[in-house]
Amino acid sequence: MPGKEGGKAKPLKKAKSNKGELDDDDIAFKEKQKADAAKLKALKEQAAGKGFGAGMKKSGKK
């Protein structure tokens, strides 16, 4: 069997997209994601502070 001729050929690499160009939809989507993440973080902090999520405590009595 000859050296490198056999086997699967590697796929060609894609050209890198230009990340500097954002249209209005992309900008609005990123802003919405940031706002949602901030709301989620605030809700998590609020839930941790008030004791939510502890669940029902079982007494162990029957």
PDB file of N, CA and C in Angstrom:
ATOM      1  N   MET A   1       0.843  -1.162   0.000  1.00  0.00           N
ATOM      2  CA  MET A   1       0.000   0.000   0.000  1.00  0.00           C
ATOM      3  C   MET A   1       0.898   1.239   0.000  1.00  0.00           C
ATOM      4  N   PRO A   2       0.701   2.144  -0.943  1.00  0.00           N
ATOM      5  CA  PRO A   2       1.518   3.355  -0.994  1.00  0.00           C
ATOM      6  C   PRO A   2       1.227   4.289   0.174  1.00  0.00           C
ATOM      7  N   GLY A   3       2.150   5.086   0.532  1.00  0.00           N
ATOM      8  CA  GLY A   3       2.141   5.949   1.712  1.00  0.00           C
ATOM      9  C   GLY A   3       0.865   6.677   2.055  1.00  0.00           C
ATOM     10  N   LYS A   4       0.701   7.898   1.608  1.00  0.00           N
ATOM     11  CA  LYS A   4      -0.400   8.748   2.064  1.00  0.00           C
ATOM     12  C   LYS A   4      -1.592   8.752   1.106  1.00  0.00           C
ATOM     13  N   GLU A   5      -1.608   7.885   0.152  1.00  0.00           N
ATOM     14  CA  GLU A   5      -2.675   7.930  -0.842  1.00  0.00           C
ATOM     15  C   GLU A   5      -3.986   7.343  -0.319  1.00  0.00           C
ATOM     16  N   GLY A   6      -3.921   6.365   0.540  1.00  0.00           N
ATOM     17  CA  GLY A   6      -5.135   5.722   1.008  1.00  0.00           C
ATOM     18  C   GLY A   6      -5.819   6.502   2.120  1.00  0.00           C
ATOM     19  N   GLY A   7      -7.018   6.069   2.483  1.00  0.00           N
ATOM     20  CA  GLY A   7      -7.724   6.684   3.596  1.00  0.00           C
ATOM     21  C   GLY A   7      -8.618   7.814   3.168  1.00  0.00           C
ATOM     22  N   LYS A   8      -9.231   8.416   4.142  1.00  0.00           N
ATOM     23  CA  LYS A   8     -10.204   9.468   3.896  1.00  0.00           C
ATOM     24  C   LYS A   8      -9.496  10.808   3.724  1.00  0.00           C
ATOM     25  N   ALA A   9      -9.933  11.588   2.742  1.00  0.00           N
ATOM     26  CA  ALA A   9      -9.342  12.905   2.509  1.00  0.00           C
ATOM     27  C   ALA A   9      -9.871  13.888   3.553  1.00  0.00           C
ATOM     28  N   LYS A  10      -9.026  14.787   3.976  1.00  0.00           N
ATOM     29  CA  LYS A  10      -9.450  15.793   4.952  1.00  0.00           C
ATOM     30  C   LYS A  10     -10.332  16.831   4.269  1.00  0.00           C
ATOM     31  N   PRO A  11     -11.364  17.308   4.953  1.00  0.00           N
ATOM     32  CA  PRO A  11     -12.218  18.337   4.349  1.00  0.00           C
ATOM     33  C   PRO A  11     -11.484  19.671   4.273  1.00  0.00           C
ATOM     34  N   LEU A  12     -11.878  20.472   3.304  1.00  0.00           N
ATOM     35  CA  LEU A  12     -11.267  21.788   3.164  1.00  0.00           C
ATOM     36  C   LEU A  12     -11.767  22.704   4.274  1.00  0.00           C
ATOM     37  N   LYS A  13     -10.927  23.624   4.697  1.00  0.00           N
ATOM     38  CA  LYS A  13     -11.308  24.546   5.762  1.00  0.00           C
ATOM     39  C   LYS A  13     -12.207  25.639   5.195  1.00  0.00           C
ATOM     40  N   LYS A  14     -13.169  26.081   6.027  1.00  0.00           N
ATOM     41  CA  LYS A  14     -14.039  27.173   5.638  1.00  0.00           C
ATOM     42  C   LYS A  14     -13.288  28.492   5.776  1.00  0.00           C
ATOM     43  N   ALA A  15     -13.678  29.451   4.987  1.00  0.00           N
ATOM     44  CA  ALA A  15     -13.123  30.786   5.139  1.00  0.00           C
ATOM     45  C   ALA A  15     -13.694  31.389   6.412  1.00  0.00           C
ATOM     46  N   LYS A  16     -12.878  32.095   7.169  1.00  0.00           N
ATOM     47  CA  LYS A  16     -13.339  32.701   8.408  1.00  0.00           C
ATOM     48  C   LYS A  16     -14.290  33.858   8.091  1.00  0.00           C
ATOM     49  N   SER A  17     -15.381  33.909   8.827  1.00  0.00           N
ATOM     50  CA  SER A  17     -16.331  34.993   8.619  1.00  0.00           C
ATOM     51  C   SER A  17     -15.835  36.237   9.345  1.00  0.00           C
ATOM     52  N   ASN A  18     -16.214  37.349   8.830  1.00  0.00           N
ATOM     53  CA  ASN A  18     -15.809  38.615   9.437  1.00  0.00           C
ATOM     54  C   ASN A  18     -16.722  38.894  10.618  1.00  0.00           C
ATOM     55  N   LYS A  19     -16.213  38.877  11.823  1.00  0.00           N
ATOM     56  CA  LYS A  19     -17.008  39.047  13.027  1.00  0.00           C
ATOM     57  C   LYS A  19     -17.291  40.517  13.313  1.00  0.00           C
ATOM     58  N   GLY A  20     -16.629  41.423  12.641  1.00  0.00           N
ATOM     59  CA  GLY A  20     -16.807  42.842  12.903  1.00  0.00           C
ATOM     60  C   GLY A  20     -18.097  43.396  12.350  1.00  0.00           C
ATOM     61  N   GLU A  21     -18.696  42.720  11.382  1.00  0.00           N
ATOM     62  CA  GLU A  21     -19.903  43.239  10.757  1.00  0.00           C
ATOM     63  C   GLU A  21     -21.137  42.643  11.419  1.00  0.00           C
ATOM     64  N   LEU A  22     -21.903  43.466  12.108  1.00  0.00           N
ATOM     65  CA  LEU A  22     -23.148  43.043  12.745  1.00  0.00           C
ATOM     66  C   LEU A  22     -24.274  43.936  12.229  1.00  0.00           C
ATOM     67  N   ASP A  23     -25.389  43.322  11.886  1.00  0.00           N
ATOM     68  CA  ASP A  23     -26.518  44.136  11.466  1.00  0.00           C
ATOM     69  C   ASP A  23     -27.417  44.420  12.671  1.00  0.00           C
ATOM     70  N   ASP A  24     -28.495  45.148  12.439  1.00  0.00           N
ATOM     71  CA  ASP A  24     -29.372  45.569  13.543  1.00  0.00           C
ATOM     72  C   ASP A  24     -29.980  44.389  14.278  1.00  0.00           C
ATOM     73  N   ASP A  25     -30.331  43.319  13.552  1.00  0.00           N
ATOM     74  CA  ASP A  25     -30.930  42.148  14.187  1.00  0.00           C
ATOM     75  C   ASP A  25     -29.949  41.483  15.136  1.00  0.00           C
ATOM     76  N   ASP A  26     -28.683  41.364  14.720  1.00  0.00           N
ATOM     77  CA  ASP A  26     -27.667  40.747  15.578  1.00  0.00           C
ATOM     78  C   ASP A  26     -27.441  41.566  16.844  1.00  0.00           C
ATOM     79  N   ILE A  27     -27.389  42.863  16.684  1.00  0.00           N
ATOM     80  CA  ILE A  27     -27.165  43.743  17.832  1.00  0.00           C
ATOM     81  C   ILE A  27     -28.336  43.639  18.806  1.00  0.00           C
ATOM     82  N   ALA A  28     -29.571  43.640  18.278  1.00  0.00           N
ATOM     83  CA  ALA A  28     -30.750  43.538  19.136  1.00  0.00           C
ATOM     84  C   ALA A  28     -30.778  42.190  19.845  1.00  0.00           C
ATOM     85  N   PHE A  29     -30.395  41.123  19.155  1.00  0.00           N
ATOM     86  CA  PHE A  29     -30.374  39.798  19.754  1.00  0.00           C
ATOM     87  C   PHE A  29     -29.366  39.715  20.883  1.00  0.00           C
ATOM     88  N   LYS A  30     -28.186  40.284  20.683  1.00  0.00           N
ATOM     89  CA  LYS A  30     -27.161  40.263  21.731  1.00  0.00           C
ATOM     90  C   LYS A  30     -27.598  41.076  22.943  1.00  0.00           C
ATOM     91  N   GLU A  31     -28.241  42.210  22.723  1.00  0.00           N
ATOM     92  CA  GLU A  31     -28.735  43.022  23.832  1.00  0.00           C
ATOM     93  C   GLU A  31     -29.809  42.266  24.614  1.00  0.00           C
ATOM     94  N   LYS A  32     -30.685  41.552  23.891  1.00  0.00           N
ATOM     95  CA  LYS A  32     -31.733  40.773  24.559  1.00  0.00           C
ATOM     96  C   LYS A  32     -31.115  39.660  25.389  1.00  0.00           C
ATOM     97  N   GLN A  33     -30.073  39.006  24.861  1.00  0.00           N
ATOM     98  CA  GLN A  33     -29.393  37.949  25.617  1.00  0.00           C
ATOM     99  C   GLN A  33     -28.775  38.500  26.890  1.00  0.00           C
ATOM    100  N   LYS A  34     -28.143  39.675  26.804  1.00  0.00           N
ATOM    101  CA  LYS A  34     -27.539  40.282  27.984  1.00  0.00           C
ATOM    102  C   LYS A  34     -28.593  40.627  29.024  1.00  0.00           C
ATOM    103  N   ALA A  35     -29.727  41.154  28.576  1.00  0.00           N
ATOM    104  CA  ALA A  35     -30.799  41.514  29.496  1.00  0.00           C
ATOM    105  C   ALA A  35     -31.377  40.268  30.158  1.00  0.00           C
ATOM    106  N   ASP A  36     -31.578  39.203  29.385  1.00  0.00           N
ATOM    107  CA  ASP A  36     -32.101  37.957  29.947  1.00  0.00           C
ATOM    108  C   ASP A  36     -31.127  37.364  30.970  1.00  0.00           C
ATOM    109  N   ALA A  37     -29.842  37.424  30.671  1.00  0.00           N
ATOM    110  CA  ALA A  37     -28.842  36.893  31.597  1.00  0.00           C
ATOM    111  C   ALA A  37     -28.832  37.705  32.897  1.00  0.00           C
ATOM    112  N   ALA A  38     -28.986  39.014  32.788  1.00  0.00           N
ATOM    113  CA  ALA A  38     -29.010  39.858  33.987  1.00  0.00           C
ATOM    114  C   ALA A  38     -30.248  39.553  34.830  1.00  0.00           C
ATOM    115  N   LYS A  39     -31.401  39.353  34.182  1.00  0.00           N
ATOM    116  CA  LYS A  39     -32.628  39.019  34.920  1.00  0.00           C
ATOM    117  C   LYS A  39     -32.478  37.678  35.623  1.00  0.00           C
ATOM    118  N   LEU A  40     -31.911  36.706  34.915  1.00  0.00           N
ATOM    119  CA  LEU A  40     -31.736  35.382  35.495  1.00  0.00           C
ATOM    120  C   LEU A  40     -30.802  35.427  36.696  1.00  0.00           C
ATOM    121  N   LYS A  41     -29.737  36.209  36.593  1.00  0.00           N
ATOM    122  CA  LYS A  41     -28.794  36.333  37.703  1.00  0.00           C
ATOM    123  C   LYS A  41     -29.465  36.979  38.913  1.00  0.00           C
ATOM    124  N   ALA A  42     -30.281  37.997  38.662  1.00  0.00           N
ATOM    125  CA  ALA A  42     -30.981  38.663  39.754  1.00  0.00           C
ATOM    126  C   ALA A  42     -31.970  37.708  40.418  1.00  0.00           C
ATOM    127  N   LEU A  43     -32.676  36.913  39.628  1.00  0.00           N
ATOM    128  CA  LEU A  43     -33.618  35.959  40.203  1.00  0.00           C
ATOM    129  C   LEU A  43     -32.911  34.889  41.027  1.00  0.00           C
ATOM    130  N   LYS A  44     -31.745  34.450  40.554  1.00  0.00           N
ATOM    131  CA  LYS A  44     -30.977  33.452  41.307  1.00  0.00           C
ATOM    132  C   LYS A  44     -30.514  34.014  42.642  1.00  0.00           C
ATOM    133  N   GLU A  45     -30.049  35.255  42.632  1.00  0.00           N
ATOM    134  CA  GLU A  45     -29.600  35.886  43.878  1.00  0.00           C
ATOM    135  C   GLU A  45     -30.771  36.063  44.844  1.00  0.00           C
ATOM    136  N   GLN A  46     -31.928  36.453  44.311  1.00  0.00           N
ATOM    137  CA  GLN A  46     -33.103  36.642  45.144  1.00  0.00           C
ATOM    138  C   GLN A  46     -33.540  35.313  45.745  1.00  0.00           C
ATOM    139  N   ALA A  47     -33.526  34.261  44.943  1.00  0.00           N
ATOM    140  CA  ALA A  47     -33.952  32.950  45.423  1.00  0.00           C
ATOM    141  C   ALA A  47     -32.984  32.424  46.482  1.00  0.00           C
ATOM    142  N   ALA A  48     -31.704  32.669  46.310  1.00  0.00           N
ATOM    143  CA  ALA A  48     -30.718  32.189  47.277  1.00  0.00           C
ATOM    144  C   ALA A  48     -30.837  32.955  48.596  1.00  0.00           C
ATOM    145  N   GLY A  49     -31.184  34.215  48.531  1.00  0.00           N
ATOM    146  CA  GLY A  49     -31.270  35.032  49.733  1.00  0.00           C
ATOM    147  C   GLY A  49     -32.488  34.741  50.586  1.00  0.00           C
ATOM    148  N   LYS A  50     -33.586  34.346  49.985  1.00  0.00           N
ATOM    149  CA  LYS A  50     -34.817  34.145  50.741  1.00  0.00           C
ATOM    150  C   LYS A  50     -35.055  32.700  51.130  1.00  0.00           C
ATOM    151  N   GLY A  51     -34.183  31.806  50.758  1.00  0.00           N
ATOM    152  CA  GLY A  51     -34.322  30.419  51.168  1.00  0.00           C
ATOM    153  C   GLY A  51     -35.206  29.584  50.264  1.00  0.00           C
ATOM    154  N   PHE A  52     -35.492  30.062  49.084  1.00  0.00           N
ATOM    155  CA  PHE A  52     -36.266  29.259  48.147  1.00  0.00           C
ATOM    156  C   PHE A  52     -35.432  28.078  47.689  1.00  0.00           C
ATOM    157  N   GLY A  53     -36.073  27.011  47.303  1.00  0.00           N
ATOM    158  CA  GLY A  53     -35.354  25.869  46.748  1.00  0.00           C
ATOM    159  C   GLY A  53     -34.883  24.897  47.788  1.00  0.00           C
ATOM    160  N   ALA A  54     -35.201  25.118  49.061  1.00  0.00           N
ATOM    161  CA  ALA A  54     -34.754  24.190  50.109  1.00  0.00           C
ATOM    162  C   ALA A  54     -35.592  22.921  50.103  1.00  0.00           C
ATOM    163  N   GLY A  55     -36.816  23.011  49.591  1.00  0.00           N
ATOM    164  CA  GLY A  55     -37.672  21.827  49.539  1.00  0.00           C
ATOM    165  C   GLY A  55     -38.358  21.586  50.868  1.00  0.00           C
ATOM    166  N   MET A  56     -39.173  20.549  50.906  1.00  0.00           N
ATOM    167  CA  MET A  56     -39.883  20.186  52.129  1.00  0.00           C
ATOM    168  C   MET A  56     -38.947  19.433  53.065  1.00  0.00           C
ATOM    169  N   LYS A  57     -38.973  19.785  54.325  1.00  0.00           N
ATOM    170  CA  LYS A  57     -38.143  19.076  55.290  1.00  0.00           C
ATOM    171  C   LYS A  57     -38.975  17.979  55.925  1.00  0.00           C
ATOM    172  N   LYS A  58     -38.426  16.806  55.951  1.00  0.00           N
ATOM    173  CA  LYS A  58     -39.141  15.671  56.543  1.00  0.00           C
ATOM    174  C   LYS A  58     -38.746  15.548  58.010  1.00  0.00           C
ATOM    175  N   SER A  59     -39.739  15.291  58.844  1.00  0.00           N
ATOM    176  CA  SER A  59     -39.470  15.200  60.278  1.00  0.00           C
ATOM    177  C   SER A  59     -38.920  13.834  60.665  1.00  0.00           C
ATOM    178  N   GLY A  60     -39.227  12.814  59.885  1.00  0.00           N
ATOM    179  CA  GLY A  60     -38.751  11.494  60.203  1.00  0.00           C
ATOM    180  C   GLY A  60     -39.725  10.689  61.047  1.00  0.00           C
ATOM    181  N   LYS A  61     -40.812  11.328  61.515  1.00  0.00           N
ATOM    182  CA  LYS A  61     -41.811  10.644  62.328  1.00  0.00           C
ATOM    183  C   LYS A  61     -42.810   9.938  61.415  1.00  0.00           C
ATOM    184  N   LYS A  62     -43.372   8.824  61.950  1.00  0.00           N
ATOM    185  CA  LYS A  62     -44.408   8.129  61.185  1.00  0.00           C
ATOM    186  C   LYS A  62     -45.709   8.187  61.901  1.00  0.00           C
TER     187      LYS A  62
END
